Every structure is written in C-alpha cells, then in structure tokens.
Protein backbone atom coordinates (compact mmCIF):
# COMPACT_ATOMS: atom_id res chain seq x y z
CA MET A 1 -28.67 -67.57 -33.78
CA GLY A 2 -26.97 -67.30 -37.09
CA LEU A 3 -26.30 -62.96 -36.05
CA ARG A 4 -25.04 -63.63 -32.52
CA ARG A 5 -22.49 -66.81 -34.29
CA LEU A 6 -20.54 -64.13 -36.42
CA LYS A 7 -20.52 -61.83 -33.70
CA ASN A 8 -18.79 -64.43 -31.74
CA GLU A 9 -16.41 -65.93 -34.51
CA ILE A 10 -15.98 -62.71 -36.61
CA SER A 11 -12.55 -61.33 -36.55
CA PHE A 12 -11.31 -58.10 -38.08
CA LEU A 13 -7.72 -58.49 -38.86
CA ASP A 14 -8.15 -55.55 -41.49
CA LEU A 15 -10.57 -53.86 -43.87
CA ASP A 16 -8.30 -53.32 -46.22
CA LEU A 17 -7.39 -56.58 -46.83
CA GLY A 18 -11.03 -57.89 -46.11
CA VAL A 19 -12.28 -59.19 -43.35
CA HIS A 20 -11.93 -63.00 -42.15
CA ILE A 21 -14.38 -65.39 -40.79
CA PRO A 22 -13.07 -68.46 -39.48
CA ARG A 23 -14.92 -72.07 -40.34
CA ARG A 24 -14.60 -75.78 -39.88
CA LYS A 25 -13.38 -78.08 -41.85
CA ARG A 26 -15.98 -80.21 -43.39
CA GLY A 27 -15.34 -83.53 -41.84
CA SER A 28 -13.60 -82.40 -39.23
CA SER A 29 -13.40 -82.94 -35.23
CA GLY A 30 -14.02 -79.39 -34.48
CA SER A 31 -10.64 -78.39 -33.59
CA ALA A 32 -9.33 -77.39 -37.55
CA ILE A 33 -10.75 -74.06 -38.32
CA THR A 34 -10.15 -72.35 -41.31
CA LYS A 35 -10.46 -68.84 -43.10
CA ARG A 36 -12.76 -67.16 -45.94
CA SER A 37 -12.41 -63.56 -46.73
CA ILE A 38 -15.59 -61.82 -47.04
CA SER A 39 -16.03 -59.15 -49.56
CA MET A 40 -16.88 -54.99 -48.20
CA MET A 41 -19.98 -55.60 -49.49
CA GLU A 42 -20.75 -58.12 -46.76
CA CYS A 43 -18.51 -56.47 -43.91
CA ALA A 44 -21.28 -53.67 -44.74
CA THR A 45 -23.71 -55.65 -44.64
CA ILE A 46 -22.79 -57.00 -40.81
CA LEU A 47 -22.32 -53.93 -39.33
CA ILE A 48 -25.62 -52.60 -40.45
CA ALA A 49 -27.00 -55.83 -38.96
CA PHE A 50 -25.37 -55.30 -35.87
CA SER A 51 -26.17 -51.60 -35.22
CA ASN A 52 -30.30 -52.76 -35.78
CA SER A 53 -29.75 -55.06 -32.93
CA VAL A 54 -28.20 -52.55 -30.03
CA THR A 55 -31.64 -52.34 -27.90
CA HIS A 56 -29.48 -49.35 -25.05
CA VAL A 57 -29.68 -46.50 -26.56
CA LEU A 58 -31.44 -43.90 -25.11
CA PRO A 59 -35.23 -42.40 -26.55
CA SER A 60 -35.25 -39.04 -27.72
CA ALA A 61 -37.42 -38.21 -24.81
CA TYR A 62 -34.00 -39.08 -22.54
CA LEU A 63 -32.20 -36.63 -23.95
CA PRO A 64 -31.18 -33.30 -22.69
CA VAL A 65 -33.15 -30.23 -23.73
CA ARG A 66 -33.20 -26.38 -23.23
CA THR A 67 -33.91 -25.24 -19.46
CA THR A 68 -36.89 -22.67 -19.18
CA ASN A 69 -34.47 -20.21 -17.79
CA THR A 70 -31.62 -20.07 -20.55
CA LYS A 71 -32.27 -17.21 -23.16
CA PRO A 72 -32.45 -18.76 -26.45
CA ILE A 73 -29.29 -17.08 -28.55
CA THR A 74 -32.26 -15.16 -30.81
CA ASP A 75 -32.93 -12.76 -27.44
CA ARG A 76 -29.66 -11.74 -28.27
CA LYS A 77 -29.46 -7.72 -28.43
CA PRO A 78 -27.93 -7.07 -32.16
CA ILE A 79 -24.43 -5.77 -32.80
CA SER A 80 -26.13 -2.25 -33.71
CA GLU A 81 -27.88 -2.26 -30.24
CA ARG A 82 -24.75 -2.67 -28.08
CA LYS A 83 -22.11 -0.02 -26.57
CA PRO A 84 -19.74 0.74 -28.91
CA ILE A 85 -16.47 -0.69 -27.03
CA THR A 86 -14.75 3.12 -26.14
CA LYS A 87 -11.20 3.44 -27.00
CA ARG A 88 -9.06 3.22 -23.45
CA LYS A 89 -7.06 6.57 -22.51
CA PRO A 90 -3.75 6.70 -23.04
CA ILE A 91 -1.33 6.40 -20.19
CA THR A 92 -0.16 9.57 -18.93
CA GLU A 93 3.66 9.89 -18.06
CA ARG A 94 4.11 9.54 -14.15
CA LYS A 95 4.96 12.54 -12.77
CA PRO A 96 8.27 12.55 -11.06
CA ARG A 97 8.82 11.84 -7.99
CA LYS A 98 10.25 14.67 -5.94
CA LYS A 99 13.32 14.30 -4.81
CA ARG A 100 14.34 13.98 -1.16
CA CYS A 101 16.67 16.51 0.01
CA LYS A 102 19.88 15.30 1.30
CA GLN A 103 21.15 15.54 4.50
CA THR A 104 24.31 17.49 4.52
CA PRO A 105 25.33 18.60 7.69
CA PHE A 106 26.12 21.71 9.27
CA PRO A 107 30.07 22.25 9.44
CA THR A 108 29.84 23.53 12.87
CA THR A 109 27.51 24.17 15.65
CA PRO A 110 27.62 27.59 16.09
CA ASP A 111 26.55 29.56 19.29
CA MET A 112 23.55 32.00 19.90
CA PRO A 113 23.71 35.22 17.98
CA ALA A 114 24.18 38.14 19.80
CA ALA A 115 20.85 39.26 18.66
CA MET A 116 19.36 36.99 20.04
CA ARG A 117 20.71 36.37 22.96
CA ASP A 118 20.17 40.27 24.14
CA ARG A 119 16.38 39.74 22.59
CA ILE A 120 15.35 36.84 25.41
CA GLY A 121 17.95 38.70 27.45
CA GLU A 122 15.02 41.68 27.67
CA MET A 123 12.76 39.09 28.98
CA GLY A 124 14.41 37.58 32.44
CA ALA A 125 15.99 34.53 29.95
CA TYR A 126 18.44 31.80 32.46
CA GLN A 127 19.31 28.16 31.37
CA ILE A 128 20.05 29.02 27.63
CA GLU A 129 20.80 25.77 26.35
CA LEU A 130 20.90 24.82 22.78
CA ALA A 131 18.15 21.65 22.75
CA ILE A 132 18.67 20.91 18.89
CA GLN A 133 20.35 21.46 15.81
CA LYS A 134 18.50 20.06 12.72
CA GLN A 135 17.97 19.96 9.06
CA LEU A 136 14.83 21.35 7.96
CA GLN A 137 13.20 17.68 6.39
CA ASP A 138 10.22 17.71 3.89
CA THR A 139 8.01 15.80 6.52
CA ASP A 140 8.74 19.34 8.19
CA MET A 141 7.40 21.34 5.26
CA ASN A 142 4.50 19.35 4.97
CA LYS A 143 1.05 21.73 5.80
CA ASN A 144 -0.97 18.67 5.91
CA HIS A 145 1.69 17.57 8.96
CA GLY A 146 1.61 21.16 10.10
CA ARG A 147 4.80 20.20 13.00
CA LEU A 148 8.46 20.12 13.76
CA SER A 149 9.45 16.52 15.01
CA PHE A 150 12.19 16.08 17.13
CA PRO A 151 13.58 12.66 19.12
CA ALA A 152 14.09 12.98 22.59
CA LYS A 153 17.00 10.55 22.06
CA LYS A 154 18.78 13.21 19.54
CA LEU A 155 18.57 16.16 22.38
CA LYS A 156 21.57 17.15 23.46
CA VAL A 157 19.80 18.38 26.60
CA ASP A 158 16.54 17.62 28.06
CA PHE A 159 14.57 20.82 29.00
CA ALA A 160 10.82 19.11 29.89
CA THR A 161 10.40 19.16 33.93
CA GLU A 162 8.90 15.87 35.59
CA GLU A 163 5.65 17.64 35.81
CA GLU A 164 6.14 19.16 32.20
CA ARG A 165 6.50 15.69 30.83
CA ARG A 166 3.72 14.47 32.92
CA VAL A 167 1.01 17.16 31.01
CA LEU A 168 2.74 16.36 27.68
CA LYS A 169 1.53 12.54 28.33
CA GLN A 170 -1.69 13.24 29.26
CA GLN A 171 -4.90 12.76 26.97
CA GLU A 172 -7.33 14.95 25.71
CA ASN A 173 -10.24 14.12 23.11
CA LYS A 174 -8.65 11.09 21.48
CA GLY A 175 -5.09 13.10 21.52
CA LYS A 176 -2.56 14.22 23.04
CA LYS A 177 -2.98 17.53 25.62
CA GLY A 178 0.10 19.47 24.91
CA MET A 179 0.92 22.70 26.23
CA ASN A 180 1.28 25.95 24.72
CA VAL A 181 5.22 27.23 24.98
CA MET A 182 6.39 30.77 24.14
CA ILE A 183 8.33 31.15 20.86
CA VAL A 184 10.80 33.43 19.31
CA ASP A 185 11.47 33.45 15.75
CA PRO A 186 14.63 34.01 13.88
CA LEU A 187 13.19 37.93 13.04
CA LEU A 188 13.07 38.28 16.81
CA ARG A 189 9.08 38.01 16.46
CA GLU A 190 7.86 36.08 19.73
CA SER A 191 4.80 33.64 19.44
CA SER A 192 2.96 31.12 21.58
CA ILE A 193 2.92 27.21 19.76
CA CYS A 194 2.14 24.22 21.15
CA LEU A 195 4.29 21.86 22.29
CA LYS A 196 3.72 17.86 22.75
CA LEU A 197 4.91 14.85 23.16
CA TRP A 198 4.10 11.61 20.59
CA LYS A 199 5.39 8.11 20.55
CA ILE A 200 6.87 7.41 16.66
CA GLY A 201 7.87 4.29 16.44
CA SER A 202 10.12 3.18 19.28
CA GLY A 203 10.59 6.38 20.77
CA ASP A 204 9.63 9.47 22.24
CA SER A 205 9.44 12.72 19.44
CA TYR A 206 8.87 16.25 20.40
CA CYS A 207 6.85 18.31 18.21
CA LEU A 208 5.96 21.90 17.87
CA MET A 209 2.33 22.30 16.61
CA THR A 210 -0.67 24.64 15.66
CA GLN A 211 1.61 27.62 14.75
CA TRP A 212 4.14 25.83 13.02
CA ASN A 213 2.78 26.29 9.27
CA SER A 214 2.38 30.10 9.89
CA LEU A 215 6.41 29.78 11.18
CA VAL A 216 7.12 28.03 8.13
CA GLU A 217 5.61 31.10 6.13
CA GLN A 218 6.94 33.98 8.44
CA ASN A 219 10.94 33.28 7.96
CA GLY A 220 10.74 31.45 4.68
CA PHE A 221 11.91 27.89 5.83
CA LYS A 222 12.24 25.60 3.44
CA SER A 223 13.70 22.03 2.96
CA GLY A 224 16.85 21.56 3.50
CA ASP A 225 17.61 24.73 5.86
CA HIS A 226 19.51 24.03 9.11
CA VAL A 227 18.13 25.66 12.09
CA GLN A 228 18.82 25.67 16.08
CA LEU A 229 16.06 25.15 18.52
CA TRP A 230 17.62 27.34 22.07
CA SER A 231 15.75 26.39 25.36
CA PHE A 232 14.66 28.50 27.89
CA ARG A 233 12.93 29.85 31.07
CA LYS A 234 11.57 32.58 32.55
CA ASP A 235 9.45 33.38 35.55
CA GLU A 236 5.99 34.73 35.26
CA PHE A 237 3.17 35.57 38.11
CA GLU A 238 0.42 32.85 37.71
CA ALA A 239 -2.87 34.16 38.95
CA GLU A 240 -4.55 30.57 39.98
CA THR A 241 -1.56 29.98 42.58
CA GLN A 242 -0.43 33.19 42.79
CA THR A 243 3.23 32.50 42.50
CA MET A 244 5.82 32.67 40.63
CA VAL A 245 6.82 29.73 37.79
CA SER A 246 9.46 29.39 35.58
CA ARG A 247 7.82 29.07 32.35
CA LEU A 248 9.43 26.83 29.67
CA CYS A 249 10.34 28.83 26.61
CA PHE A 250 12.03 28.47 22.89
CA ALA A 251 14.19 30.28 20.63
CA MET A 252 14.64 29.40 17.24
CA VAL A 253 17.89 30.33 14.99
CA LYS A 254 18.16 29.78 11.09
CA LEU A 255 21.69 28.54 10.55
CA ASP A 256 23.19 30.13 7.13
CA ALA A 257 27.05 31.19 5.54
CA THR A 258 27.02 33.89 7.82
CA THR A 259 26.61 32.00 10.72
CA ALA A 260 28.82 28.81 10.07
CA SER A 261 32.17 30.89 10.76
CA ALA A 262 30.77 32.32 13.66
C-alpha cells in the first residue's frame, strides 16, 4: 500500500532540485498539504521499486527469433572470394549525325535532252510527258529501302491508267503486287524495274523498286542530285490476248550545270 501511495502522490518537479513528496500536516483536516524534498539516492530507490513492480513485460519466450529460412551472416562469402568490381568502360564519343541533304530546288525545268528523245523515239515512244523533277534524298539512297519514291500528289501528270492503278493496288504475298515497266537511264541503257503504289502517310506514293539499287550504282547517283522522271508509252504485241497493248515506260534524266541553261 505504501508503494502504491507513493506512485499516486509523488511529483517530479526537477531532478536537479530533488523530488518533492506531498505530505499532510499533522492535525490538519486533510486539505492542507506540505512538500518535503528527498535526496537523489532515495529517488533512485523509489524508481527501482517501480521497475520491479511492473508485471506486463514479455518473457524471453515471446521475443522474435531469427527464422530458419534466413541465412546467418556467417554464411556469406568472404570478401576475397567475391567477384571483383570491374571498371566501367569509358563512354566512347558518339558518332556525329550524318547531315541530311539540304533541299535546293533546281533553277529551271529543262526539256528532255535531244539524245534521250532520239533514243526513245527509236522505240516508237508517244505521250512523252514530264512526271516529276525532284532532288534525291538520303531515303532514296538507302540500300535497305531500295526504292525511289515520289508522292502521287506531286506528279505533274498522272501517268497510270485506271486499269494500271487497279493492278498496282492488288495484294500479293501480303504486299503490293506491282508491275514491271521499262526504264531508260541517263546513260541511255534500257532495263526493267518494278513499279508499285504504296500508301505512305495520308496519300499514295509511287515507288520504283527491285532494280533501283543497281540503277544507282551504274549511274553514280548520290544524295542531292537532281533528276527528272519522264513517262511515255509504246505499243507492244501481247501473246496472251493476240493484240497490241500500250505499255507504260520511263526515262530518267540527271540534271547538272549543262542542262540548267538548256
């Protein structure tokens, strides 16, 4: 009872000033209370008594223990057996981006050279029209792409007939079927190339493919060159139908300083 009474009546004002225990005056009615200071030794004795009277501390059996799945620290590999920290490779200097060809319009729109006109004239060419004049870009020179593309909306004349456009839009092996056409290169040599019609962006684009990379190498085309693509037609006998048909053909001209003044 004395310990419980001390718990209820003790007042810790300041450890440096001592501990003050309220006491009732003798002969008082119980309302008047006086305070008496006790030494630090007495205060420590009281605190020890408090700690011994606490009963809610968990026994050691209820304390958390290390689970068996957790590896003990002693199982770790010694530092000498660990893999050495390799030095990071120095960051190599990035390759400078290849400058894109600056688009510079050709100053004039020259007519077909006389040598080219004579060459296709020998084939019986007719409906000779300039389809497009353009500057070759990096995408045109990319061997992985392997094509020369030109948007249909930029053509000066739409060279394909309705039947030819229908064939160009047909699918074959999950790709455009296309059609083989004849082309005369700037060196006046005749070859065959595949013409396809693709949907690029919001519009259609014609593409010369299959033999385009070979045509680039043979004529020394490079990014920035200005070229003209002329369309013309010639009649050929078709064995299947036993009739004469009008075949679509192209002639390509490379523009330079000499043709600029022509």
